[in-house]
Amino acid sequence: MSSTLNPHSERSQAAASGLTLFAAVMMLVVGFVDLVRGIMAIVHDDVFVNTPDYVFKFSLAGWGWVHLFLGIAALMVGVGLFRVSLWARILGVAVASLLLIANFLSIPYYPLWSIVVIALSAFVIWGLCVVRPEDSP
């Protein structure tokens, strides 16, 4: 009966669920990538670039711990996003924003990976922000 009164409600709910599912999967991917990046930095892997005059210079292990913790947080929030709850969406935007900032600041250490994670984090933020509260199931 409600579909005859408002034919767009089912489509908008499906779109909202689809975008949240997209953001959840992307958050899991970003979390896993950042977790691996953190482990690589902690063990001082040779894939990182040496940047002696960088303004935001931390030790490589310091960046590793930052990325490790953000990766774990992203994985936990990504799992929470499958419940399509408001708290998970808010935390998802916050964690994705922190991931975006951390990867921007660590571009000189691993440029390509940082740019990929920045783009994925931006897609997560977009996917979680375009869902209106009345559209969520």
N, C-alpha and C. Protein backbone atom coordinates (compact mmCIF):
# COMPACT_ATOMS: atom_id res chain seq x y z
N MET A 1 0.82 -1.19 0.00
CA MET A 1 0.00 0.00 0.00
C MET A 1 0.86 1.25 0.00
N SER A 2 1.97 1.24 0.75
CA SER A 2 2.81 2.42 0.80
C SER A 2 3.51 2.67 -0.52
N SER A 3 3.71 1.61 -1.31
CA SER A 3 4.38 1.82 -2.60
C SER A 3 3.48 2.59 -3.57
N THR A 4 2.15 2.50 -3.42
CA THR A 4 1.27 3.26 -4.30
C THR A 4 1.21 4.72 -3.87
N LEU A 5 1.39 4.98 -2.57
CA LEU A 5 1.37 6.36 -2.11
C LEU A 5 2.69 7.07 -2.42
N ASN A 6 3.80 6.37 -2.28
CA ASN A 6 5.11 6.97 -2.52
C ASN A 6 5.97 5.96 -3.28
N PRO A 7 5.93 5.99 -4.61
CA PRO A 7 6.66 4.98 -5.38
C PRO A 7 8.17 5.11 -5.29
N HIS A 8 8.68 6.24 -4.85
CA HIS A 8 10.12 6.44 -4.78
C HIS A 8 10.72 5.94 -3.46
N SER A 9 9.91 5.58 -2.48
CA SER A 9 10.45 5.20 -1.18
C SER A 9 11.22 3.89 -1.25
N GLU A 10 10.73 2.91 -2.00
CA GLU A 10 11.45 1.64 -2.11
C GLU A 10 12.77 1.81 -2.85
N ARG A 11 12.75 2.62 -3.90
CA ARG A 11 13.99 2.87 -4.64
C ARG A 11 14.99 3.64 -3.81
N SER A 12 14.54 4.62 -3.06
CA SER A 12 15.46 5.41 -2.25
C SER A 12 16.02 4.58 -1.10
N GLN A 13 15.22 3.68 -0.53
CA GLN A 13 15.74 2.79 0.51
C GLN A 13 16.76 1.82 -0.06
N ALA A 14 16.51 1.32 -1.25
CA ALA A 14 17.47 0.42 -1.89
C ALA A 14 18.76 1.15 -2.21
N ALA A 15 18.65 2.38 -2.67
CA ALA A 15 19.85 3.17 -2.96
C ALA A 15 20.63 3.47 -1.69
N ALA A 16 19.91 3.81 -0.61
CA ALA A 16 20.58 4.08 0.66
C ALA A 16 21.29 2.84 1.18
N SER A 17 20.64 1.71 1.10
CA SER A 17 21.27 0.46 1.55
C SER A 17 22.46 0.12 0.66
N GLY A 18 22.33 0.35 -0.63
CA GLY A 18 23.43 0.06 -1.56
C GLY A 18 24.64 0.95 -1.31
N LEU A 19 24.42 2.23 -1.06
CA LEU A 19 25.55 3.13 -0.79
C LEU A 19 26.22 2.81 0.53
N THR A 20 25.43 2.45 1.53
CA THR A 20 26.01 2.09 2.81
C THR A 20 26.80 0.79 2.69
N LEU A 21 26.29 -0.16 1.93
CA LEU A 21 27.02 -1.40 1.69
C LEU A 21 28.31 -1.13 0.92
N PHE A 22 28.25 -0.25 -0.09
CA PHE A 22 29.44 0.15 -0.82
C PHE A 22 30.47 0.76 0.12
N ALA A 23 30.03 1.67 0.99
CA ALA A 23 30.94 2.32 1.93
C ALA A 23 31.53 1.31 2.91
N ALA A 24 30.72 0.33 3.33
CA ALA A 24 31.22 -0.69 4.26
C ALA A 24 32.32 -1.53 3.62
N VAL A 25 32.10 -1.94 2.39
CA VAL A 25 33.11 -2.74 1.70
C VAL A 25 34.37 -1.92 1.45
N MET A 26 34.21 -0.67 1.01
CA MET A 26 35.37 0.18 0.78
C MET A 26 36.11 0.47 2.08
N MET A 27 35.37 0.62 3.18
CA MET A 27 36.02 0.85 4.48
C MET A 27 36.84 -0.37 4.89
N LEU A 28 36.33 -1.57 4.62
CA LEU A 28 37.09 -2.79 4.91
C LEU A 28 38.36 -2.85 4.06
N VAL A 29 38.25 -2.49 2.79
CA VAL A 29 39.42 -2.49 1.90
C VAL A 29 40.45 -1.48 2.38
N VAL A 30 40.01 -0.27 2.69
CA VAL A 30 40.92 0.78 3.16
C VAL A 30 41.55 0.36 4.48
N GLY A 31 40.76 -0.22 5.37
CA GLY A 31 41.30 -0.67 6.65
C GLY A 31 42.36 -1.74 6.48
N PHE A 32 42.11 -2.69 5.60
CA PHE A 32 43.09 -3.75 5.37
C PHE A 32 44.37 -3.19 4.75
N VAL A 33 44.22 -2.29 3.77
CA VAL A 33 45.38 -1.69 3.11
C VAL A 33 46.20 -0.89 4.12
N ASP A 34 45.54 -0.11 4.97
CA ASP A 34 46.26 0.69 5.95
C ASP A 34 46.89 -0.18 7.03
N LEU A 35 46.23 -1.27 7.39
CA LEU A 35 46.80 -2.20 8.35
C LEU A 35 48.10 -2.80 7.81
N VAL A 36 48.08 -3.23 6.57
CA VAL A 36 49.28 -3.79 5.94
C VAL A 36 50.37 -2.72 5.83
N ARG A 37 49.97 -1.51 5.47
CA ARG A 37 50.94 -0.42 5.38
C ARG A 37 51.57 -0.14 6.74
N GLY A 38 50.79 -0.17 7.79
CA GLY A 38 51.33 0.04 9.13
C GLY A 38 52.32 -1.03 9.52
N ILE A 39 52.00 -2.28 9.23
CA ILE A 39 52.92 -3.38 9.55
C ILE A 39 54.21 -3.22 8.75
N MET A 40 54.10 -2.86 7.47
CA MET A 40 55.30 -2.68 6.65
C MET A 40 56.18 -1.56 7.21
N ALA A 41 55.58 -0.49 7.68
CA ALA A 41 56.37 0.63 8.20
C ALA A 41 57.00 0.28 9.54
N ILE A 42 56.30 -0.48 10.37
CA ILE A 42 56.85 -0.84 11.68
C ILE A 42 58.08 -1.72 11.53
N VAL A 43 58.06 -2.65 10.57
CA VAL A 43 59.21 -3.53 10.36
C VAL A 43 60.25 -2.91 9.43
N HIS A 44 60.08 -1.63 9.07
CA HIS A 44 61.01 -0.87 8.24
C HIS A 44 61.27 -1.55 6.90
N ASP A 45 60.20 -1.78 6.18
CA ASP A 45 60.30 -2.36 4.85
C ASP A 45 61.02 -1.38 3.92
N ASP A 46 61.64 -1.90 2.88
CA ASP A 46 62.43 -1.07 1.97
C ASP A 46 61.60 -0.40 0.89
N VAL A 47 60.29 -0.51 0.92
CA VAL A 47 59.47 0.09 -0.12
C VAL A 47 59.19 1.57 0.13
N PHE A 48 59.54 2.08 1.29
CA PHE A 48 59.25 3.47 1.62
C PHE A 48 60.37 4.38 1.14
N VAL A 49 59.98 5.59 0.73
CA VAL A 49 60.92 6.59 0.22
C VAL A 49 61.52 7.34 1.39
N ASN A 50 62.79 7.67 1.30
CA ASN A 50 63.45 8.47 2.33
C ASN A 50 63.25 9.94 2.03
N THR A 51 62.66 10.68 2.95
CA THR A 51 62.38 12.10 2.77
C THR A 51 63.02 12.88 3.91
N PRO A 52 64.24 13.36 3.74
CA PRO A 52 64.95 13.99 4.86
C PRO A 52 64.43 15.37 5.26
N ASP A 53 63.86 16.14 4.34
CA ASP A 53 63.45 17.51 4.65
C ASP A 53 61.94 17.69 4.67
N TYR A 54 61.21 16.69 5.10
CA TYR A 54 59.75 16.76 5.12
C TYR A 54 59.29 17.45 6.39
N VAL A 55 58.32 18.35 6.27
CA VAL A 55 57.85 19.14 7.40
C VAL A 55 57.23 18.26 8.48
N PHE A 56 56.40 17.29 8.08
CA PHE A 56 55.70 16.43 9.03
C PHE A 56 56.48 15.13 9.26
N LYS A 57 57.77 15.26 9.49
CA LYS A 57 58.63 14.10 9.59
C LYS A 57 58.45 13.42 10.95
N PHE A 58 58.05 12.16 10.89
CA PHE A 58 58.04 11.26 12.03
C PHE A 58 58.96 10.12 11.68
N SER A 59 59.27 9.32 12.63
CA SER A 59 60.02 8.11 12.29
C SER A 59 59.10 7.21 11.48
N LEU A 60 59.69 6.35 10.69
CA LEU A 60 58.89 5.44 9.88
C LEU A 60 58.04 4.53 10.77
N ALA A 61 58.60 4.12 11.89
CA ALA A 61 57.82 3.30 12.82
C ALA A 61 56.66 4.09 13.42
N GLY A 62 56.85 5.39 13.65
CA GLY A 62 55.77 6.23 14.16
C GLY A 62 54.60 6.29 13.19
N TRP A 63 54.90 6.50 11.89
CA TRP A 63 53.85 6.47 10.88
C TRP A 63 53.22 5.09 10.82
N GLY A 64 54.04 4.06 11.02
CA GLY A 64 53.51 2.69 10.99
C GLY A 64 52.46 2.46 12.05
N TRP A 65 52.73 2.94 13.26
CA TRP A 65 51.76 2.76 14.35
C TRP A 65 50.49 3.55 14.08
N VAL A 66 50.62 4.76 13.53
CA VAL A 66 49.44 5.56 13.19
C VAL A 66 48.57 4.81 12.19
N HIS A 67 49.20 4.29 11.13
CA HIS A 67 48.44 3.57 10.09
C HIS A 67 47.90 2.25 10.61
N LEU A 68 48.63 1.60 11.48
CA LEU A 68 48.14 0.34 12.05
C LEU A 68 46.87 0.56 12.86
N PHE A 69 46.88 1.56 13.74
CA PHE A 69 45.69 1.83 14.56
C PHE A 69 44.51 2.32 13.72
N LEU A 70 44.79 3.17 12.73
CA LEU A 70 43.71 3.62 11.86
C LEU A 70 43.15 2.48 11.02
N GLY A 71 44.01 1.56 10.60
CA GLY A 71 43.54 0.39 9.86
C GLY A 71 42.64 -0.50 10.69
N ILE A 72 43.03 -0.71 11.94
CA ILE A 72 42.19 -1.52 12.85
C ILE A 72 40.85 -0.83 13.08
N ALA A 73 40.88 0.50 13.30
CA ALA A 73 39.63 1.25 13.51
C ALA A 73 38.75 1.17 12.27
N ALA A 74 39.35 1.28 11.09
CA ALA A 74 38.57 1.21 9.85
C ALA A 74 37.96 -0.17 9.67
N LEU A 75 38.68 -1.21 10.01
CA LEU A 75 38.12 -2.57 9.90
C LEU A 75 36.94 -2.74 10.86
N MET A 76 37.07 -2.25 12.08
CA MET A 76 35.98 -2.38 13.05
C MET A 76 34.75 -1.57 12.61
N VAL A 77 34.96 -0.35 12.13
CA VAL A 77 33.83 0.47 11.67
C VAL A 77 33.23 -0.13 10.41
N GLY A 78 34.06 -0.68 9.53
CA GLY A 78 33.56 -1.32 8.32
C GLY A 78 32.62 -2.46 8.63
N VAL A 79 32.96 -3.25 9.63
CA VAL A 79 32.06 -4.34 10.06
C VAL A 79 30.78 -3.75 10.65
N GLY A 80 30.91 -2.67 11.41
CA GLY A 80 29.73 -2.02 11.99
C GLY A 80 28.82 -1.40 10.95
N LEU A 81 29.37 -1.01 9.81
CA LEU A 81 28.54 -0.39 8.76
C LEU A 81 27.58 -1.39 8.13
N PHE A 82 27.83 -2.67 8.25
CA PHE A 82 26.90 -3.65 7.69
C PHE A 82 25.58 -3.66 8.45
N ARG A 83 25.55 -3.05 9.65
CA ARG A 83 24.31 -2.95 10.42
C ARG A 83 23.47 -1.75 9.99
N VAL A 84 24.02 -0.89 9.14
CA VAL A 84 23.34 0.30 8.61
C VAL A 84 22.76 1.15 9.74
N SER A 85 23.60 1.45 10.71
CA SER A 85 23.15 2.28 11.82
C SER A 85 23.79 3.67 11.74
N LEU A 86 23.15 4.62 12.37
CA LEU A 86 23.62 6.00 12.32
C LEU A 86 24.98 6.15 12.99
N TRP A 87 25.20 5.48 14.12
CA TRP A 87 26.48 5.60 14.81
C TRP A 87 27.62 5.09 13.94
N ALA A 88 27.38 4.03 13.19
CA ALA A 88 28.43 3.48 12.32
C ALA A 88 28.71 4.44 11.16
N ARG A 89 27.68 5.10 10.65
CA ARG A 89 27.90 6.05 9.57
C ARG A 89 28.70 7.25 10.06
N ILE A 90 28.39 7.74 11.25
CA ILE A 90 29.12 8.89 11.81
C ILE A 90 30.58 8.50 12.07
N LEU A 91 30.79 7.36 12.71
CA LEU A 91 32.16 6.89 12.94
C LEU A 91 32.88 6.60 11.63
N GLY A 92 32.16 6.11 10.64
CA GLY A 92 32.75 5.84 9.34
C GLY A 92 33.29 7.10 8.69
N VAL A 93 32.52 8.17 8.75
CA VAL A 93 32.98 9.45 8.19
C VAL A 93 34.18 9.95 8.97
N ALA A 94 34.15 9.82 10.30
CA ALA A 94 35.27 10.30 11.12
C ALA A 94 36.54 9.50 10.85
N VAL A 95 36.44 8.17 10.82
CA VAL A 95 37.63 7.35 10.59
C VAL A 95 38.15 7.53 9.16
N ALA A 96 37.25 7.60 8.20
CA ALA A 96 37.69 7.82 6.82
C ALA A 96 38.37 9.19 6.67
N SER A 97 37.90 10.19 7.39
CA SER A 97 38.54 11.50 7.36
C SER A 97 39.93 11.44 7.96
N LEU A 98 40.07 10.74 9.08
CA LEU A 98 41.39 10.58 9.69
C LEU A 98 42.34 9.81 8.78
N LEU A 99 41.82 8.77 8.12
CA LEU A 99 42.63 8.02 7.15
C LEU A 99 43.08 8.91 6.00
N LEU A 100 42.17 9.74 5.52
CA LEU A 100 42.50 10.65 4.42
C LEU A 100 43.60 11.62 4.84
N ILE A 101 43.48 12.18 6.03
CA ILE A 101 44.49 13.14 6.52
C ILE A 101 45.83 12.44 6.75
N ALA A 102 45.81 11.29 7.39
CA ALA A 102 47.06 10.56 7.66
C ALA A 102 47.77 10.17 6.37
N ASN A 103 47.01 9.75 5.38
CA ASN A 103 47.62 9.37 4.11
C ASN A 103 48.10 10.59 3.33
N PHE A 104 47.42 11.70 3.48
CA PHE A 104 47.91 12.93 2.85
C PHE A 104 49.24 13.35 3.45
N LEU A 105 49.34 13.26 4.78
CA LEU A 105 50.58 13.66 5.44
C LEU A 105 51.73 12.69 5.18
N SER A 106 51.41 11.47 4.80
CA SER A 106 52.48 10.50 4.55
C SER A 106 52.69 10.23 3.06
N ILE A 107 52.24 11.13 2.20
CA ILE A 107 52.46 10.98 0.76
C ILE A 107 53.95 10.83 0.41
N PRO A 108 54.85 11.61 1.01
CA PRO A 108 56.26 11.46 0.61
C PRO A 108 56.87 10.10 0.93
N TYR A 109 56.29 9.35 1.85
CA TYR A 109 56.85 8.05 2.21
C TYR A 109 56.45 6.94 1.24
N TYR A 110 55.22 7.01 0.74
CA TYR A 110 54.74 5.99 -0.19
C TYR A 110 53.65 6.65 -1.05
N PRO A 111 54.04 7.39 -2.10
CA PRO A 111 53.10 8.25 -2.83
C PRO A 111 51.92 7.53 -3.47
N LEU A 112 52.17 6.48 -4.21
CA LEU A 112 51.08 5.83 -4.95
C LEU A 112 50.05 5.23 -4.00
N TRP A 113 50.50 4.52 -2.99
CA TRP A 113 49.59 3.90 -2.05
C TRP A 113 48.79 4.97 -1.31
N SER A 114 49.43 6.05 -0.95
CA SER A 114 48.73 7.13 -0.24
C SER A 114 47.62 7.72 -1.09
N ILE A 115 47.89 7.95 -2.37
CA ILE A 115 46.88 8.53 -3.25
C ILE A 115 45.71 7.58 -3.45
N VAL A 116 45.99 6.28 -3.55
CA VAL A 116 44.92 5.29 -3.69
C VAL A 116 44.04 5.28 -2.44
N VAL A 117 44.65 5.29 -1.27
CA VAL A 117 43.87 5.27 -0.02
C VAL A 117 43.11 6.58 0.16
N ILE A 118 43.67 7.70 -0.26
CA ILE A 118 42.95 8.97 -0.20
C ILE A 118 41.70 8.91 -1.07
N ALA A 119 41.83 8.37 -2.27
CA ALA A 119 40.66 8.26 -3.16
C ALA A 119 39.61 7.32 -2.58
N LEU A 120 40.04 6.18 -2.06
CA LEU A 120 39.08 5.24 -1.46
C LEU A 120 38.40 5.84 -0.24
N SER A 121 39.14 6.57 0.58
CA SER A 121 38.55 7.23 1.75
C SER A 121 37.54 8.29 1.34
N ALA A 122 37.84 9.01 0.28
CA ALA A 122 36.89 10.00 -0.22
C ALA A 122 35.61 9.34 -0.71
N PHE A 123 35.72 8.18 -1.36
CA PHE A 123 34.52 7.45 -1.78
C PHE A 123 33.72 6.97 -0.58
N VAL A 124 34.39 6.55 0.47
CA VAL A 124 33.68 6.13 1.69
C VAL A 124 32.91 7.30 2.28
N ILE A 125 33.58 8.45 2.40
CA ILE A 125 32.91 9.64 2.94
C ILE A 125 31.71 10.02 2.08
N TRP A 126 31.89 10.00 0.77
CA TRP A 126 30.78 10.31 -0.14
C TRP A 126 29.63 9.33 0.05
N GLY A 127 29.95 8.04 0.08
CA GLY A 127 28.91 7.02 0.20
C GLY A 127 28.13 7.12 1.50
N LEU A 128 28.79 7.55 2.56
CA LEU A 128 28.11 7.66 3.85
C LEU A 128 27.37 8.99 4.01
N CYS A 129 27.79 10.01 3.31
CA CYS A 129 27.17 11.33 3.47
C CYS A 129 25.99 11.58 2.55
N VAL A 130 25.89 10.89 1.44
CA VAL A 130 24.78 11.16 0.53
C VAL A 130 23.49 10.48 0.96
N VAL A 131 23.55 9.58 1.91
CA VAL A 131 22.34 8.89 2.39
C VAL A 131 21.63 9.81 3.36
N ARG A 132 20.40 10.14 3.04
CA ARG A 132 19.60 10.98 3.93
C ARG A 132 18.99 10.11 5.02
N PRO A 133 18.79 10.66 6.22
CA PRO A 133 18.23 9.86 7.32
C PRO A 133 16.88 9.24 6.98
N GLU A 134 16.03 9.93 6.20
CA GLU A 134 14.73 9.36 5.87
C GLU A 134 14.83 8.23 4.85
N ASP A 135 16.00 8.10 4.16
CA ASP A 135 16.19 7.05 3.19
C ASP A 135 16.71 5.75 3.82
N SER A 136 17.34 5.86 4.97
CA SER A 136 17.95 4.66 5.55
C SER A 136 16.86 3.73 6.08
N PRO A 137 17.07 2.42 5.94
CA PRO A 137 16.02 1.47 6.33
C PRO A 137 15.86 1.37 7.82
